[in-house]
Protein backbone atom coordinates (compact mmCIF):
# COMPACT_ATOMS: atom_id res chain seq x y z
CA UNK A 1 -0.10 0.28 0.33
CA UNK A 2 0.99 3.60 -0.70
CA UNK A 3 2.39 5.66 2.00
CA UNK A 4 -0.31 8.77 3.20
CA UNK A 5 -0.06 11.33 0.83
CA UNK A 6 1.39 9.38 -2.49
CA UNK A 7 -1.08 8.66 -5.03
CA UNK A 8 -2.55 5.11 -5.22
CA UNK A 9 -0.73 2.30 -6.97
CA UNK A 10 -1.56 1.57 -10.83
CA UNK A 11 -4.25 -1.65 -10.39
CA UNK A 12 -4.42 -4.20 -13.33
CA UNK A 13 -7.97 -5.82 -13.64
CA UNK A 14 -7.85 -9.47 -15.24
CA UNK A 15 -11.19 -9.28 -16.69
CA UNK A 16 -13.52 -12.39 -17.21
CA UNK A 17 -17.60 -12.25 -17.78
CA UNK A 18 -19.93 -11.13 -15.18
CA UNK A 19 -20.78 -7.16 -13.11
CA UNK A 20 -17.69 -7.98 -10.92
CA UNK A 21 -15.05 -6.27 -13.00
CA UNK A 22 -17.44 -3.74 -13.97
CA UNK A 23 -17.70 -2.77 -10.47
CA UNK A 24 -13.86 -2.74 -10.32
CA UNK A 25 -13.92 -0.02 -12.81
CA UNK A 26 -16.64 1.39 -11.51
CA UNK A 27 -14.69 1.88 -8.06
CA UNK A 28 -11.58 3.20 -9.80
CA UNK A 29 -13.29 5.85 -11.67
CA UNK A 30 -14.78 7.03 -7.88
CA UNK A 31 -11.71 7.08 -6.09
CA UNK A 32 -9.47 8.26 -8.48
CA UNK A 33 -7.16 5.18 -9.12
CA UNK A 34 -5.30 4.54 -12.16
CA UNK A 35 -6.25 1.41 -13.49
CA UNK A 36 -5.32 -0.86 -17.01
CA UNK A 37 -7.99 -3.81 -17.83
CA UNK A 38 -6.48 -6.88 -19.66
CA UNK A 39 -9.73 -8.77 -20.99
CA UNK A 40 -9.83 -12.15 -21.51
CA UNK A 41 -11.32 -12.40 -24.85
CA UNK A 42 -14.93 -13.58 -25.38
CA UNK A 43 -15.63 -13.12 -21.83
CA UNK A 44 -15.18 -9.52 -20.61
CA UNK A 45 -17.99 -7.13 -21.40
CA UNK A 46 -16.56 -4.67 -24.52
CA UNK A 47 -19.33 -1.96 -23.15
CA UNK A 48 -17.65 -1.66 -19.91
CA UNK A 49 -14.33 -1.11 -21.18
CA UNK A 50 -15.27 2.05 -23.10
CA UNK A 51 -12.89 5.10 -21.98
CA UNK A 52 -10.48 2.59 -20.28
CA UNK A 53 -6.92 1.92 -20.93
CA UNK A 54 -7.18 -2.02 -21.88
CA UNK A 55 -6.20 -4.79 -24.08
CA UNK A 56 -7.98 -8.17 -25.29
CA UNK A 57 -5.73 -10.91 -24.65
CA UNK A 58 -6.12 -15.00 -24.79
CA UNK A 59 -6.01 -17.41 -22.09
CA UNK A 60 -2.96 -18.91 -23.15
CA UNK A 61 -0.97 -15.78 -23.60
CA UNK A 62 0.41 -15.12 -20.22
CA UNK A 63 3.63 -13.88 -21.64
CA UNK A 64 1.99 -11.09 -23.80
CA UNK A 65 -0.33 -9.96 -20.04
CA UNK A 66 2.52 -9.51 -18.15
CA UNK A 67 4.27 -7.42 -20.47
CA UNK A 68 1.48 -5.16 -21.21
CA UNK A 69 0.99 -5.05 -17.06
CA UNK A 70 4.75 -3.54 -16.86
CA UNK A 71 4.17 -1.18 -20.11
CA UNK A 72 1.53 0.00 -18.71
CA UNK A 73 3.11 0.26 -15.24
CA UNK A 74 1.13 -1.97 -13.17
CA UNK A 75 1.80 -2.71 -9.54
CA UNK A 76 -1.23 -4.47 -8.05
CA UNK A 77 -3.20 -7.10 -9.52
CA UNK A 78 -7.11 -8.04 -9.75
CA UNK A 79 -8.41 -11.15 -11.14
CA UNK A 80 -12.21 -10.81 -11.32
CA UNK A 81 -14.89 -12.21 -13.77
CA UNK A 82 -15.80 -15.77 -14.35
CA UNK A 83 -13.54 -17.39 -16.53
CA UNK A 84 -14.77 -20.48 -19.27
CA UNK A 85 -12.36 -23.87 -17.91
CA UNK A 86 -10.72 -23.87 -21.28
CA UNK A 87 -9.75 -27.09 -23.36
CA UNK A 88 -6.02 -28.27 -23.48
CA UNK A 89 -6.63 -27.52 -27.35
CA UNK A 90 -7.83 -24.18 -26.86
CA UNK A 91 -5.45 -22.76 -24.73
CA UNK A 92 -2.95 -22.37 -27.56
CA UNK A 93 -0.24 -21.96 -24.83
CA UNK A 94 2.72 -19.07 -25.37
CA UNK A 95 5.87 -20.26 -24.14
CA UNK A 96 5.29 -19.01 -20.62
CA UNK A 97 2.05 -20.41 -20.06
CA UNK A 98 3.26 -23.53 -21.77
CA UNK A 99 6.12 -23.66 -19.22
CA UNK A 100 3.25 -23.03 -16.57
CA UNK A 101 1.11 -26.34 -17.18
CA UNK A 102 4.16 -28.08 -17.46
CA UNK A 103 5.12 -27.42 -13.98
CA UNK A 104 1.84 -27.98 -12.39
CA UNK A 105 0.96 -30.54 -14.90
CA UNK A 106 -2.68 -30.81 -16.64
CA UNK A 107 -4.49 -32.07 -13.66
CA UNK A 108 -5.06 -28.46 -12.85
CA UNK A 109 -5.82 -27.03 -15.74
CA UNK A 110 -9.68 -25.88 -15.30
CA UNK A 111 -9.56 -25.93 -11.62
CA UNK A 112 -8.34 -23.96 -8.48
CA UNK A 113 -5.04 -24.98 -8.99
CA UNK A 114 -4.84 -23.16 -12.55
CA UNK A 115 -6.06 -19.84 -10.88
CA UNK A 116 -3.23 -20.52 -7.81
CA UNK A 117 -0.68 -21.50 -10.61
CA UNK A 118 -1.49 -18.34 -12.55
CA UNK A 119 -1.34 -15.86 -9.31
CA UNK A 120 1.82 -17.24 -8.71
CA UNK A 121 3.07 -16.27 -11.92
CA UNK A 122 2.36 -12.63 -11.10
CA UNK A 123 3.77 -12.76 -7.77
CA UNK A 124 6.65 -13.83 -9.17
CA UNK A 125 7.32 -11.13 -11.53
CA UNK A 126 6.89 -8.61 -8.76
CA UNK A 127 3.38 -7.76 -8.49
CA UNK A 128 1.08 -7.74 -6.03
CA UNK A 129 -2.20 -9.65 -6.36
CA UNK A 130 -4.87 -8.77 -4.49
CA UNK A 131 -8.76 -10.25 -3.45
CA UNK A 132 -11.39 -7.88 -5.19
CA UNK A 133 -13.06 -7.84 -1.58
CA UNK A 134 -10.00 -5.55 -0.70
CA UNK A 135 -11.50 -3.13 -3.43
CA UNK A 136 -15.33 -3.61 -3.01
CA UNK A 137 -15.43 -4.63 0.47
CA UNK A 138 -19.02 -3.06 0.85
CA UNK A 139 -19.97 -6.50 -1.97
CA UNK A 140 -19.36 -9.00 0.67
CA UNK A 141 -22.34 -11.00 1.90
CA UNK A 142 -23.23 -10.05 5.57
CA UNK A 143 -25.34 -12.43 7.53
CA UNK A 144 -28.85 -12.84 7.81
CA UNK A 145 -31.92 -12.14 5.70
CA UNK A 146 -31.19 -9.11 3.28
CA UNK A 147 -34.71 -8.11 2.02
CA UNK A 148 -38.62 -8.76 3.48
CA UNK A 149 -39.20 -12.27 2.38
CA UNK A 150 -37.20 -14.83 5.33
CA UNK A 151 -36.98 -18.80 4.82
CA UNK A 152 -39.40 -21.03 6.67
CA UNK A 153 -38.32 -24.21 8.88
CA UNK A 154 -38.29 -26.19 5.34
CA UNK A 155 -36.73 -23.90 3.44
CA UNK A 156 -33.61 -23.82 6.69
CA UNK A 157 -33.47 -27.19 6.80
CA UNK A 158 -32.52 -27.10 2.87
CA UNK A 159 -30.18 -24.55 2.98
CA UNK A 160 -28.41 -26.72 6.12
CA UNK A 161 -28.58 -29.43 3.74
CA UNK A 162 -27.33 -27.64 0.66
CA UNK A 163 -24.42 -26.05 2.65
CA UNK A 164 -22.86 -29.21 3.59
CA UNK A 165 -23.15 -30.74 0.19
CA UNK A 166 -21.32 -27.79 -1.41
CA UNK A 167 -18.89 -27.63 1.13
CA UNK A 168 -17.97 -31.39 -0.11
CA UNK A 169 -17.80 -30.75 -3.32
CA UNK A 170 -16.34 -27.49 -2.89
CA UNK A 171 -13.44 -29.69 -1.13
CA UNK A 172 -13.48 -32.14 -4.25
CA UNK A 173 -12.52 -28.94 -6.20
CA UNK A 174 -16.14 -29.10 -8.50
CA UNK A 175 -18.34 -26.18 -7.79
CA UNK A 176 -19.38 -23.57 -5.44
CA UNK A 177 -23.54 -24.21 -5.68
CA UNK A 178 -26.33 -26.54 -5.19
CA UNK A 179 -29.58 -26.84 -5.33
CA UNK A 180 -32.16 -28.80 -2.77
CA UNK A 181 -35.72 -29.37 -2.52
CA UNK A 182 -36.96 -30.77 -0.14
CA UNK A 183 -34.01 -32.43 1.00
CA UNK A 184 -33.51 -33.84 -2.35
CA UNK A 185 -30.30 -32.51 -4.69
CA UNK A 186 -31.96 -31.25 -8.03
CA UNK A 187 -28.35 -30.02 -9.25
CA UNK A 188 -24.68 -29.22 -8.30
CA UNK A 189 -22.62 -26.58 -9.97
CA UNK A 190 -19.57 -28.36 -11.84
CA UNK A 191 -18.36 -26.53 -15.06
CA UNK A 192 -21.42 -25.16 -16.74
CA UNK A 193 -21.32 -21.98 -13.91
CA UNK A 194 -24.89 -21.38 -11.36
CA UNK A 195 -26.31 -20.08 -14.28
CA UNK A 196 -27.14 -23.30 -16.49
CA UNK A 197 -27.39 -24.90 -13.08
CA UNK A 198 -30.63 -23.00 -12.58
CA UNK A 199 -31.35 -23.34 -16.06
CA UNK A 200 -31.36 -27.09 -15.83
CA UNK A 201 -33.17 -27.70 -12.47
CA UNK A 202 -36.02 -26.06 -13.52
CA UNK A 203 -37.45 -29.11 -15.24
CA UNK A 204 -36.59 -31.39 -12.23
CA UNK A 205 -38.33 -29.34 -9.51
CA UNK A 206 -41.07 -31.77 -7.64
CA UNK A 207 -44.40 -30.74 -6.37
CA UNK A 208 -44.89 -28.48 -2.70
CA UNK A 209 -43.01 -25.91 -0.96
CA UNK A 210 -39.54 -24.74 -4.30
CA UNK A 211 -36.10 -25.12 -3.43
CA UNK A 212 -33.46 -23.21 -2.48
CA UNK A 213 -30.11 -22.10 -4.12
CA UNK A 214 -26.69 -21.83 -1.40
CA UNK A 215 -23.79 -21.11 -2.69
CA UNK A 216 -20.25 -20.69 -0.82
CA UNK A 217 -16.99 -20.41 -1.19
CA UNK A 218 -14.30 -23.89 -1.48
CA UNK A 219 -12.75 -24.93 1.89
CA UNK A 220 -9.44 -24.58 0.61
CA UNK A 221 -10.00 -21.69 -1.84
CA UNK A 222 -7.70 -18.78 -2.68
CA UNK A 223 -10.06 -15.92 -2.10
CA UNK A 224 -7.81 -13.66 -3.73
CA UNK A 225 -8.67 -15.55 -7.14
CA UNK A 226 -12.33 -16.94 -7.14
CA UNK A 227 -14.79 -16.05 -4.79
CA UNK A 228 -18.82 -16.81 -5.16
CA UNK A 229 -21.26 -13.87 -5.83
CA UNK A 230 -24.72 -13.45 -7.06
CA UNK A 231 -26.35 -10.56 -8.49
CA UNK A 232 -29.74 -9.56 -10.22
CA UNK A 233 -29.59 -11.80 -13.15
CA UNK A 234 -29.03 -14.59 -10.35
CA UNK A 235 -32.41 -13.55 -8.61
CA UNK A 236 -34.45 -13.54 -11.17
CA UNK A 237 -33.10 -17.17 -13.36
CA UNK A 238 -33.75 -18.88 -9.39
CA UNK A 239 -37.68 -17.51 -9.79
CA UNK A 240 -37.83 -18.96 -13.36
CA UNK A 241 -36.59 -22.53 -12.10
CA UNK A 242 -39.15 -22.39 -9.03
CA UNK A 243 -37.03 -21.48 -6.28
CA UNK A 244 -37.68 -19.87 -3.05
CA UNK A 245 -34.86 -18.22 -1.90
CA UNK A 246 -31.10 -17.83 -1.88
CA UNK A 247 -28.30 -18.50 0.86
CA UNK A 248 -24.84 -17.34 0.65
CA UNK A 249 -21.90 -17.57 2.60
CA UNK A 250 -21.52 -14.45 4.62
CA UNK A 251 -18.38 -12.96 4.44
CA UNK A 252 -17.19 -15.64 1.86
CA UNK A 253 -19.37 -14.20 -1.53
CA UNK A 254 -20.56 -11.06 -3.16
CA UNK A 255 -23.26 -9.82 -3.41
CA UNK A 256 -23.44 -7.49 -6.67
CA UNK A 257 -26.35 -4.71 -7.07
CA UNK A 258 -26.83 -5.06 -4.01
CA UNK A 259 -29.90 -2.82 -3.92
CA UNK A 260 -31.46 -4.03 -6.90
CA UNK A 261 -30.96 -7.45 -5.98
CA UNK A 262 -32.95 -6.89 -2.38
CA UNK A 263 -35.44 -5.06 -4.91
CA UNK A 264 -35.85 -7.94 -7.42
CA UNK A 265 -36.24 -10.71 -4.63
CA UNK A 266 -38.90 -8.65 -2.80
CA UNK A 267 -41.17 -8.03 -5.52
CA UNK A 268 -40.75 -11.56 -6.88
CA UNK A 269 -41.02 -13.22 -3.41
CA UNK A 270 -37.41 -15.15 -3.23
CA UNK A 271 -35.71 -14.62 0.23
CA UNK A 272 -32.06 -13.76 -0.08
CA UNK A 273 -29.73 -15.13 3.21
CA UNK A 274 -26.27 -14.99 4.67
CA UNK A 275 -25.13 -17.69 6.49
CA UNK A 276 -21.99 -18.90 8.34
CA UNK A 277 -20.09 -22.54 9.10
CA UNK A 278 -21.45 -21.21 12.51
CA UNK A 279 -25.35 -21.67 11.78
CA UNK A 280 -24.90 -25.05 10.93
CA UNK A 281 -22.32 -26.49 13.60
């Protein structure tokens, strides 16, 4: 961190899809912090980059990415937004990326091992990697109910069951979300992501009280490179899937577009609640 009176360090934003990198860019503008965006091809939102110094790069172009950061005077780096898990053939790695893959092994592709390896590459080059929560601390999920709708005992039972399951699949590095209805697991998140999970479980719902979406970070996850999040779109898709609400890990997840999330959830009759390990001890 800079000393008092010194200008803030220039931030390099590795931007994937979703609103998290958009919010970080907006926060930099609000605070006057200089930033430079490395926009991941076919992932980042082009509209969010208007008026911002940026370049596009492919996921296998490691040396190019590092060169752009150095040339643009970046000191700190934040990784934000979703990235589709790459196949080996789609990566087209440059020599730097190929060397990294050889070091970590192909088993790490597409899981937390890859993200941790990328973080290590930045740090080895002298960049400080920071988590999005250090910039958007006000977006971290708080504990308790967010809107006017509260979960009933059946929903709380489903949340408890789902929380245990999502921690278990997270420990196996599978995903960060699960949908449970009346004690039945309708689906777990894997490579498809949360939106596709919600689209899939809509056809699997049972009669009676609707299910819940539970999202939590993986037990051994490095929160500087990947944390679960929800936004207004998550609310709309959960409602379309026939769910009654969403539970997210307090302090371990982001709630993006908070005011809109609460307003939309209240209007649709869904609850949103932040939960923690202590709730299920």
